[in-house]
Amino acid sequence: KTDKPILITGGAGFIGTNLADRLALS
C-alpha cells in the first residue's frame, strides 16, 4: 500500500483509461 499516486504512462489510451477509471473509483 502507498499514499503516492499511481502513474500510468500512456494513460489516456484505451487500456489506461479503463484502468484509471477503476483505480479512481476505488
mmCIF file of all heavy atoms, coordinates in Angstrom:
data_MODEL
# 
_entry.id   MODEL 
# 
loop_
_atom_site.group_PDB 
_atom_site.id 
_atom_site.type_symbol 
_atom_site.label_atom_id 
_atom_site.label_alt_id 
_atom_site.label_comp_id 
_atom_site.label_asym_id 
_atom_site.label_entity_id 
_atom_site.label_seq_id 
_atom_site.pdbx_PDB_ins_code 
_atom_site.Cartn_x 
_atom_site.Cartn_y 
_atom_site.Cartn_z 
_atom_site.occupancy 
_atom_site.B_iso_or_equiv 
_atom_site.pdbx_formal_charge 
_atom_site.auth_seq_id 
_atom_site.auth_comp_id 
_atom_site.auth_asym_id 
_atom_site.auth_atom_id 
_atom_site.pdbx_PDB_model_num 
ATOM 1   N N   . LYS A 1 1  ? 0.843   -1.187 0.000   1.00 0.00 ? 1  LYS A N   1 
ATOM 2   C CA  . LYS A 1 1  ? 0.000   0.000  0.000   1.00 0.00 ? 1  LYS A CA  1 
ATOM 3   C C   . LYS A 1 1  ? 0.882   1.243  0.000   1.00 0.00 ? 1  LYS A C   1 
ATOM 4   O O   . LYS A 1 1  ? 1.962   1.262  0.566   1.00 0.00 ? 1  LYS A O   1 
ATOM 5   C CB  . LYS A 1 1  ? -0.920  -0.002 1.219   1.00 0.00 ? 1  LYS A CB  1 
ATOM 6   C CG  . LYS A 1 1  ? -1.942  -1.138 1.212   1.00 0.00 ? 1  LYS A CG  1 
ATOM 7   C CD  . LYS A 1 1  ? -2.879  -1.033 2.392   1.00 0.00 ? 1  LYS A CD  1 
ATOM 8   C CE  . LYS A 1 1  ? -3.910  -2.150 2.357   1.00 0.00 ? 1  LYS A CE  1 
ATOM 9   N NZ  . LYS A 1 1  ? -4.841  -2.084 3.501   1.00 0.00 ? 1  LYS A NZ  1 
ATOM 10  N N   . THR A 1 2  ? 0.409   2.288  -0.641  1.00 0.00 ? 2  THR A N   1 
ATOM 11  C CA  . THR A 1 2  ? 1.151   3.536  -0.687  1.00 0.00 ? 2  THR A CA  1 
ATOM 12  C C   . THR A 1 2  ? 0.177   4.683  -0.816  1.00 0.00 ? 2  THR A C   1 
ATOM 13  O O   . THR A 1 2  ? -0.910  4.536  -1.378  1.00 0.00 ? 2  THR A O   1 
ATOM 14  C CB  . THR A 1 2  ? 2.142   3.560  -1.870  1.00 0.00 ? 2  THR A CB  1 
ATOM 15  O OG1 . THR A 1 2  ? 2.769   4.837  -1.907  1.00 0.00 ? 2  THR A OG1 1 
ATOM 16  C CG2 . THR A 1 2  ? 1.435   3.294  -3.194  1.00 0.00 ? 2  THR A CG2 1 
ATOM 17  N N   . ASP A 1 3  ? 0.551   5.842  -0.267  1.00 0.00 ? 3  ASP A N   1 
ATOM 18  C CA  . ASP A 1 3  ? -0.270  7.032  -0.416  1.00 0.00 ? 3  ASP A CA  1 
ATOM 19  C C   . ASP A 1 3  ? 0.121   7.826  -1.657  1.00 0.00 ? 3  ASP A C   1 
ATOM 20  O O   . ASP A 1 3  ? -0.528  8.819  -1.986  1.00 0.00 ? 3  ASP A O   1 
ATOM 21  C CB  . ASP A 1 3  ? -0.122  7.922  0.826   1.00 0.00 ? 3  ASP A CB  1 
ATOM 22  C CG  . ASP A 1 3  ? -0.710  7.260  2.068   1.00 0.00 ? 3  ASP A CG  1 
ATOM 23  O OD1 . ASP A 1 3  ? -1.684  6.510  1.920   1.00 0.00 ? 3  ASP A OD1 1 
ATOM 24  O OD2 . ASP A 1 3  ? -0.179  7.505  3.166   1.00 0.00 ? 3  ASP A OD2 1 
ATOM 25  N N   . LYS A 1 4  ? 1.172   7.414  -2.330  1.00 0.00 ? 4  LYS A N   1 
ATOM 26  C CA  . LYS A 1 4  ? 1.599   8.104  -3.547  1.00 0.00 ? 4  LYS A CA  1 
ATOM 27  C C   . LYS A 1 4  ? 0.663   7.766  -4.711  1.00 0.00 ? 4  LYS A C   1 
ATOM 28  O O   . LYS A 1 4  ? 0.042   6.706  -4.736  1.00 0.00 ? 4  LYS A O   1 
ATOM 29  C CB  . LYS A 1 4  ? 3.029   7.696  -3.899  1.00 0.00 ? 4  LYS A CB  1 
ATOM 30  C CG  . LYS A 1 4  ? 4.080   8.171  -2.908  1.00 0.00 ? 4  LYS A CG  1 
ATOM 31  C CD  . LYS A 1 4  ? 5.470   7.801  -3.396  1.00 0.00 ? 4  LYS A CD  1 
ATOM 32  C CE  . LYS A 1 4  ? 6.544   8.356  -2.480  1.00 0.00 ? 4  LYS A CE  1 
ATOM 33  N NZ  . LYS A 1 4  ? 7.906   8.013  -2.980  1.00 0.00 ? 4  LYS A NZ  1 
ATOM 34  N N   . PRO A 1 5  ? 0.571   8.673  -5.683  1.00 0.00 ? 5  PRO A N   1 
ATOM 35  C CA  . PRO A 1 5  ? -0.312  8.395  -6.823  1.00 0.00 ? 5  PRO A CA  1 
ATOM 36  C C   . PRO A 1 5  ? 0.193   7.220  -7.663  1.00 0.00 ? 5  PRO A C   1 
ATOM 37  O O   . PRO A 1 5  ? 1.379   6.890  -7.650  1.00 0.00 ? 5  PRO A O   1 
ATOM 38  C CB  . PRO A 1 5  ? -0.287  9.699  -7.621  1.00 0.00 ? 5  PRO A CB  1 
ATOM 39  C CG  . PRO A 1 5  ? 1.004   10.354 -7.248  1.00 0.00 ? 5  PRO A CG  1 
ATOM 40  C CD  . PRO A 1 5  ? 1.238   9.988  -5.808  1.00 0.00 ? 5  PRO A CD  1 
ATOM 41  N N   . ILE A 1 6  ? -0.717  6.624  -8.395  1.00 0.00 ? 6  ILE A N   1 
ATOM 42  C CA  . ILE A 1 6  ? -0.384  5.563  -9.333  1.00 0.00 ? 6  ILE A CA  1 
ATOM 43  C C   . ILE A 1 6  ? -0.155  6.206  -10.694 1.00 0.00 ? 6  ILE A C   1 
ATOM 44  O O   . ILE A 1 6  ? -1.043  6.882  -11.230 1.00 0.00 ? 6  ILE A O   1 
ATOM 45  C CB  . ILE A 1 6  ? -1.498  4.514  -9.400  1.00 0.00 ? 6  ILE A CB  1 
ATOM 46  C CG1 . ILE A 1 6  ? -1.642  3.825  -8.041  1.00 0.00 ? 6  ILE A CG1 1 
ATOM 47  C CG2 . ILE A 1 6  ? -1.212  3.492  -10.496 1.00 0.00 ? 6  ILE A CG2 1 
ATOM 48  C CD1 . ILE A 1 6  ? -2.869  2.940  -7.923  1.00 0.00 ? 6  ILE A CD1 1 
ATOM 49  N N   . LEU A 1 7  ? 1.028   6.026  -11.237 1.00 0.00 ? 7  LEU A N   1 
ATOM 50  C CA  . LEU A 1 7  ? 1.401   6.615  -12.521 1.00 0.00 ? 7  LEU A CA  1 
ATOM 51  C C   . LEU A 1 7  ? 1.057   5.644  -13.648 1.00 0.00 ? 7  LEU A C   1 
ATOM 52  O O   . LEU A 1 7  ? 1.424   4.465  -13.594 1.00 0.00 ? 7  LEU A O   1 
ATOM 53  C CB  . LEU A 1 7  ? 2.906   6.926  -12.537 1.00 0.00 ? 7  LEU A CB  1 
ATOM 54  C CG  . LEU A 1 7  ? 3.522   7.335  -13.867 1.00 0.00 ? 7  LEU A CG  1 
ATOM 55  C CD1 . LEU A 1 7  ? 2.941   8.668  -14.353 1.00 0.00 ? 7  LEU A CD1 1 
ATOM 56  C CD2 . LEU A 1 7  ? 5.053   7.420  -13.744 1.00 0.00 ? 7  LEU A CD2 1 
ATOM 57  N N   . ILE A 1 8  ? 0.345   6.140  -14.663 1.00 0.00 ? 8  ILE A N   1 
ATOM 58  C CA  . ILE A 1 8  ? 0.038   5.340  -15.846 1.00 0.00 ? 8  ILE A CA  1 
ATOM 59  C C   . ILE A 1 8  ? 0.611   6.059  -17.056 1.00 0.00 ? 8  ILE A C   1 
ATOM 60  O O   . ILE A 1 8  ? 0.104   7.102  -17.473 1.00 0.00 ? 8  ILE A O   1 
ATOM 61  C CB  . ILE A 1 8  ? -1.474  5.132  -16.041 1.00 0.00 ? 8  ILE A CB  1 
ATOM 62  C CG1 . ILE A 1 8  ? -2.127  4.592  -14.773 1.00 0.00 ? 8  ILE A CG1 1 
ATOM 63  C CG2 . ILE A 1 8  ? -1.722  4.182  -17.215 1.00 0.00 ? 8  ILE A CG2 1 
ATOM 64  C CD1 . ILE A 1 8  ? -3.640  4.441  -14.879 1.00 0.00 ? 8  ILE A CD1 1 
ATOM 65  N N   . THR A 1 9  ? 1.701   5.531  -17.634 1.00 0.00 ? 9  THR A N   1 
ATOM 66  C CA  . THR A 1 9  ? 2.209   6.100  -18.876 1.00 0.00 ? 9  THR A CA  1 
ATOM 67  C C   . THR A 1 9  ? 1.324   5.608  -20.023 1.00 0.00 ? 9  THR A C   1 
ATOM 68  O O   . THR A 1 9  ? 0.910   4.455  -20.050 1.00 0.00 ? 9  THR A O   1 
ATOM 69  C CB  . THR A 1 9  ? 3.671   5.699  -19.133 1.00 0.00 ? 9  THR A CB  1 
ATOM 70  O OG1 . THR A 1 9  ? 3.747   4.311  -19.488 1.00 0.00 ? 9  THR A OG1 1 
ATOM 71  C CG2 . THR A 1 9  ? 4.539   5.975  -17.912 1.00 0.00 ? 9  THR A CG2 1 
ATOM 72  N N   . GLY A 1 10 ? 1.020   6.513  -20.952 1.00 0.00 ? 10 GLY A N   1 
ATOM 73  C CA  . GLY A 1 10 ? 0.049   6.166  -21.980 1.00 0.00 ? 10 GLY A CA  1 
ATOM 74  C C   . GLY A 1 10 ? -1.343  6.026  -21.394 1.00 0.00 ? 10 GLY A C   1 
ATOM 75  O O   . GLY A 1 10 ? -2.193  5.314  -21.934 1.00 0.00 ? 10 GLY A O   1 
ATOM 76  N N   . GLY A 1 11 ? -1.594  6.739  -20.304 1.00 0.00 ? 11 GLY A N   1 
ATOM 77  C CA  . GLY A 1 11 ? -2.818  6.545  -19.538 1.00 0.00 ? 11 GLY A CA  1 
ATOM 78  C C   . GLY A 1 11 ? -4.075  7.093  -20.170 1.00 0.00 ? 11 GLY A C   1 
ATOM 79  O O   . GLY A 1 11 ? -5.174  6.782  -19.711 1.00 0.00 ? 11 GLY A O   1 
ATOM 80  N N   . ALA A 1 12 ? -3.944  7.892  -21.241 1.00 0.00 ? 12 ALA A N   1 
ATOM 81  C CA  . ALA A 1 12 ? -5.133  8.375  -21.938 1.00 0.00 ? 12 ALA A CA  1 
ATOM 82  C C   . ALA A 1 12 ? -5.575  7.394  -23.024 1.00 0.00 ? 12 ALA A C   1 
ATOM 83  O O   . ALA A 1 12 ? -6.605  7.609  -23.665 1.00 0.00 ? 12 ALA A O   1 
ATOM 84  C CB  . ALA A 1 12 ? -4.879  9.749  -22.553 1.00 0.00 ? 12 ALA A CB  1 
ATOM 85  N N   . GLY A 1 13 ? -4.807  6.346  -23.240 1.00 0.00 ? 13 GLY A N   1 
ATOM 86  C CA  . GLY A 1 13 ? -5.182  5.333  -24.213 1.00 0.00 ? 13 GLY A CA  1 
ATOM 87  C C   . GLY A 1 13 ? -6.296  4.442  -23.703 1.00 0.00 ? 13 GLY A C   1 
ATOM 88  O O   . GLY A 1 13 ? -6.798  4.593  -22.579 1.00 0.00 ? 13 GLY A O   1 
ATOM 89  N N   . PHE A 1 14 ? -6.664  3.502  -24.528 1.00 0.00 ? 14 PHE A N   1 
ATOM 90  C CA  . PHE A 1 14 ? -7.791  2.611  -24.241 1.00 0.00 ? 14 PHE A CA  1 
ATOM 91  C C   . PHE A 1 14 ? -7.623  1.849  -22.925 1.00 0.00 ? 14 PHE A C   1 
ATOM 92  O O   . PHE A 1 14 ? -8.474  1.913  -22.025 1.00 0.00 ? 14 PHE A O   1 
ATOM 93  C CB  . PHE A 1 14 ? -7.949  1.685  -25.447 1.00 0.00 ? 14 PHE A CB  1 
ATOM 94  C CG  . PHE A 1 14 ? -8.464  0.315  -25.169 1.00 0.00 ? 14 PHE A CG  1 
ATOM 95  C CD1 . PHE A 1 14 ? -9.690  0.120  -24.548 1.00 0.00 ? 14 PHE A CD1 1 
ATOM 96  C CD2 . PHE A 1 14 ? -7.725  -0.797 -25.544 1.00 0.00 ? 14 PHE A CD2 1 
ATOM 97  C CE1 . PHE A 1 14 ? -10.169 -1.160 -24.314 1.00 0.00 ? 14 PHE A CE1 1 
ATOM 98  C CE2 . PHE A 1 14 ? -8.194  -2.069 -25.321 1.00 0.00 ? 14 PHE A CE2 1 
ATOM 99  C CZ  . PHE A 1 14 ? -9.419  -2.255 -24.691 1.00 0.00 ? 14 PHE A CZ  1 
ATOM 100 N N   . ILE A 1 15 ? -6.514  1.146  -22.765 1.00 0.00 ? 15 ILE A N   1 
ATOM 101 C CA  . ILE A 1 15 ? -6.311  0.351  -21.554 1.00 0.00 ? 15 ILE A CA  1 
ATOM 102 C C   . ILE A 1 15 ? -6.095  1.264  -20.351 1.00 0.00 ? 15 ILE A C   1 
ATOM 103 O O   . ILE A 1 15 ? -6.658  1.048  -19.280 1.00 0.00 ? 15 ILE A O   1 
ATOM 104 C CB  . ILE A 1 15 ? -5.139  -0.623 -21.736 1.00 0.00 ? 15 ILE A CB  1 
ATOM 105 C CG1 . ILE A 1 15 ? -5.488  -1.679 -22.790 1.00 0.00 ? 15 ILE A CG1 1 
ATOM 106 C CG2 . ILE A 1 15 ? -4.781  -1.301 -20.406 1.00 0.00 ? 15 ILE A CG2 1 
ATOM 107 C CD1 . ILE A 1 15 ? -4.337  -2.607 -23.150 1.00 0.00 ? 15 ILE A CD1 1 
ATOM 108 N N   . GLY A 1 16 ? -5.292  2.305  -20.537 1.00 0.00 ? 16 GLY A N   1 
ATOM 109 C CA  . GLY A 1 16 ? -5.036  3.234  -19.443 1.00 0.00 ? 16 GLY A CA  1 
ATOM 110 C C   . GLY A 1 16 ? -6.291  3.894  -18.918 1.00 0.00 ? 16 GLY A C   1 
ATOM 111 O O   . GLY A 1 16 ? -6.449  4.083  -17.706 1.00 0.00 ? 16 GLY A O   1 
ATOM 112 N N   . THR A 1 17 ? -7.206  4.240  -19.817 1.00 0.00 ? 17 THR A N   1 
ATOM 113 C CA  . THR A 1 17 ? -8.456  4.883  -19.407 1.00 0.00 ? 17 THR A CA  1 
ATOM 114 C C   . THR A 1 17 ? -9.296  3.958  -18.543 1.00 0.00 ? 17 THR A C   1 
ATOM 115 O O   . THR A 1 17 ? -9.829  4.363  -17.497 1.00 0.00 ? 17 THR A O   1 
ATOM 116 C CB  . THR A 1 17 ? -9.248  5.321  -20.649 1.00 0.00 ? 17 THR A CB  1 
ATOM 117 O OG1 . THR A 1 17 ? -8.493  6.301  -21.364 1.00 0.00 ? 17 THR A OG1 1 
ATOM 118 C CG2 . THR A 1 17 ? -10.599 5.905  -20.258 1.00 0.00 ? 17 THR A CG2 1 
ATOM 119 N N   . ASN A 1 18 ? -9.428  2.706  -18.963 1.00 0.00 ? 18 ASN A N   1 
ATOM 120 C CA  . ASN A 1 18 ? -10.208 1.753  -18.185 1.00 0.00 ? 18 ASN A CA  1 
ATOM 121 C C   . ASN A 1 18 ? -9.575  1.478  -16.828 1.00 0.00 ? 18 ASN A C   1 
ATOM 122 O O   . ASN A 1 18 ? -10.274 1.367  -15.815 1.00 0.00 ? 18 ASN A O   1 
ATOM 123 C CB  . ASN A 1 18 ? -10.373 0.455  -18.971 1.00 0.00 ? 18 ASN A CB  1 
ATOM 124 C CG  . ASN A 1 18 ? -11.423 0.553  -20.055 1.00 0.00 ? 18 ASN A CG  1 
ATOM 125 O OD1 . ASN A 1 18 ? -12.618 0.391  -19.811 1.00 0.00 ? 18 ASN A OD1 1 
ATOM 126 N ND2 . ASN A 1 18 ? -10.984 0.836  -21.280 1.00 0.00 ? 18 ASN A ND2 1 
ATOM 127 N N   . LEU A 1 19 ? -8.253  1.378  -16.789 1.00 0.00 ? 19 LEU A N   1 
ATOM 128 C CA  . LEU A 1 19 ? -7.566  1.158  -15.518 1.00 0.00 ? 19 LEU A CA  1 
ATOM 129 C C   . LEU A 1 19 ? -7.677  2.380  -14.618 1.00 0.00 ? 19 LEU A C   1 
ATOM 130 O O   . LEU A 1 19 ? -7.972  2.255  -13.413 1.00 0.00 ? 19 LEU A O   1 
ATOM 131 C CB  . LEU A 1 19 ? -6.096  0.817  -15.769 1.00 0.00 ? 19 LEU A CB  1 
ATOM 132 C CG  . LEU A 1 19 ? -5.227  0.659  -14.527 1.00 0.00 ? 19 LEU A CG  1 
ATOM 133 C CD1 . LEU A 1 19 ? -5.718  -0.479 -13.635 1.00 0.00 ? 19 LEU A CD1 1 
ATOM 134 C CD2 . LEU A 1 19 ? -3.762  0.433  -14.920 1.00 0.00 ? 19 LEU A CD2 1 
ATOM 135 N N   . ALA A 1 20 ? -7.435  3.571  -15.179 1.00 0.00 ? 20 ALA A N   1 
ATOM 136 C CA  . ALA A 1 20 ? -7.511  4.799  -14.381 1.00 0.00 ? 20 ALA A CA  1 
ATOM 137 C C   . ALA A 1 20 ? -8.903  4.962  -13.775 1.00 0.00 ? 20 ALA A C   1 
ATOM 138 O O   . ALA A 1 20 ? -9.039  5.366  -12.610 1.00 0.00 ? 20 ALA A O   1 
ATOM 139 C CB  . ALA A 1 20 ? -7.157  6.008  -15.251 1.00 0.00 ? 20 ALA A CB  1 
ATOM 140 N N   . ASP A 1 21 ? -9.928  4.655  -14.538 1.00 0.00 ? 21 ASP A N   1 
ATOM 141 C CA  . ASP A 1 21 ? -11.297 4.764  -14.035 1.00 0.00 ? 21 ASP A CA  1 
ATOM 142 C C   . ASP A 1 21 ? -11.513 3.847  -12.835 1.00 0.00 ? 21 ASP A C   1 
ATOM 143 O O   . ASP A 1 21 ? -12.047 4.262  -11.811 1.00 0.00 ? 21 ASP A O   1 
ATOM 144 C CB  . ASP A 1 21 ? -12.264 4.408  -15.162 1.00 0.00 ? 21 ASP A CB  1 
ATOM 145 C CG  . ASP A 1 21 ? -13.719 4.523  -14.739 1.00 0.00 ? 21 ASP A CG  1 
ATOM 146 O OD1 . ASP A 1 21 ? -14.094 5.564  -14.185 1.00 0.00 ? 21 ASP A OD1 1 
ATOM 147 O OD2 . ASP A 1 21 ? -14.476 3.561  -14.973 1.00 0.00 ? 21 ASP A OD2 1 
ATOM 148 N N   . ARG A 1 22 ? -11.077 2.601  -12.964 1.00 0.00 ? 22 ARG A N   1 
ATOM 149 C CA  . ARG A 1 22 ? -11.260 1.644  -11.870 1.00 0.00 ? 22 ARG A CA  1 
ATOM 150 C C   . ARG A 1 22 ? -10.472 2.073  -10.632 1.00 0.00 ? 22 ARG A C   1 
ATOM 151 O O   . ARG A 1 22 ? -10.981 1.992  -9.503  1.00 0.00 ? 22 ARG A O   1 
ATOM 152 C CB  . ARG A 1 22 ? -10.811 0.254  -12.319 1.00 0.00 ? 22 ARG A CB  1 
ATOM 153 C CG  . ARG A 1 22 ? -10.967 -0.828 -11.258 1.00 0.00 ? 22 ARG A CG  1 
ATOM 154 C CD  . ARG A 1 22 ? -12.331 -1.428 -11.240 1.00 0.00 ? 22 ARG A CD  1 
ATOM 155 N NE  . ARG A 1 22 ? -12.560 -2.211 -12.453 1.00 0.00 ? 22 ARG A NE  1 
ATOM 156 C CZ  . ARG A 1 22 ? -12.161 -3.473 -12.628 1.00 0.00 ? 22 ARG A CZ  1 
ATOM 157 N NH1 . ARG A 1 22 ? -11.524 -4.114 -11.659 1.00 0.00 ? 22 ARG A NH1 1 
ATOM 158 N NH2 . ARG A 1 22 ? -12.415 -4.110 -13.751 1.00 0.00 ? 22 ARG A NH2 1 
ATOM 159 N N   . LEU A 1 23 ? -9.241  2.500  -10.818 1.00 0.00 ? 23 LEU A N   1 
ATOM 160 C CA  . LEU A 1 23 ? -8.411  2.916  -9.687  1.00 0.00 ? 23 LEU A CA  1 
ATOM 161 C C   . LEU A 1 23 ? -9.004  4.131  -8.977  1.00 0.00 ? 23 LEU A C   1 
ATOM 162 O O   . LEU A 1 23 ? -9.064  4.185  -7.745  1.00 0.00 ? 23 LEU A O   1 
ATOM 163 C CB  . LEU A 1 23 ? -6.996  3.226  -10.162 1.00 0.00 ? 23 LEU A CB  1 
ATOM 164 C CG  . LEU A 1 23 ? -6.162  2.038  -10.626 1.00 0.00 ? 23 LEU A CG  1 
ATOM 165 C CD1 . LEU A 1 23 ? -4.893  2.517  -11.310 1.00 0.00 ? 23 LEU A CD1 1 
ATOM 166 C CD2 . LEU A 1 23 ? -5.812  1.121  -9.458  1.00 0.00 ? 23 LEU A CD2 1 
ATOM 167 N N   . ALA A 1 24 ? -9.456  5.111  -9.767  1.00 0.00 ? 24 ALA A N   1 
ATOM 168 C CA  . ALA A 1 24 ? -10.028 6.306  -9.162  1.00 0.00 ? 24 ALA A CA  1 
ATOM 169 C C   . ALA A 1 24 ? -11.318 5.991  -8.421  1.00 0.00 ? 24 ALA A C   1 
ATOM 170 O O   . ALA A 1 24 ? -11.576 6.539  -7.337  1.00 0.00 ? 24 ALA A O   1 
ATOM 171 C CB  . ALA A 1 24 ? -10.278 7.367  -10.242 1.00 0.00 ? 24 ALA A CB  1 
ATOM 172 N N   . LEU A 1 25 ? -12.123 5.101  -8.968  1.00 0.00 ? 25 LEU A N   1 
ATOM 173 C CA  . LEU A 1 25 ? -13.351 4.695  -8.289  1.00 0.00 ? 25 LEU A CA  1 
ATOM 174 C C   . LEU A 1 25 ? -13.063 4.026  -6.951  1.00 0.00 ? 25 LEU A C   1 
ATOM 175 O O   . LEU A 1 25 ? -13.860 4.111  -6.018  1.00 0.00 ? 25 LEU A O   1 
ATOM 176 C CB  . LEU A 1 25 ? -14.158 3.747  -9.181  1.00 0.00 ? 25 LEU A CB  1 
ATOM 177 C CG  . LEU A 1 25 ? -14.891 4.371  -10.368 1.00 0.00 ? 25 LEU A CG  1 
ATOM 178 C CD1 . LEU A 1 25 ? -15.494 3.282  -11.249 1.00 0.00 ? 25 LEU A CD1 1 
ATOM 179 C CD2 . LEU A 1 25 ? -15.976 5.337  -9.907  1.00 0.00 ? 25 LEU A CD2 1 
ATOM 180 N N   . SER A 1 26 ? -11.904 3.361  -6.867  1.00 0.00 ? 26 SER A N   1 
ATOM 181 C CA  . SER A 1 26 ? -11.533 2.684  -5.620  1.00 0.00 ? 26 SER A CA  1 
ATOM 182 C C   . SER A 1 26 ? -10.880 3.629  -4.616  1.00 0.00 ? 26 SER A C   1 
ATOM 183 O O   . SER A 1 26 ? -10.531 3.211  -3.509  1.00 0.00 ? 26 SER A O   1 
ATOM 184 C CB  . SER A 1 26 ? -10.587 1.523  -5.918  1.00 0.00 ? 26 SER A CB  1 
ATOM 185 O OG  . SER A 1 26 ? -9.304  1.996  -6.318  1.00 0.00 ? 26 SER A OG  1 
# 
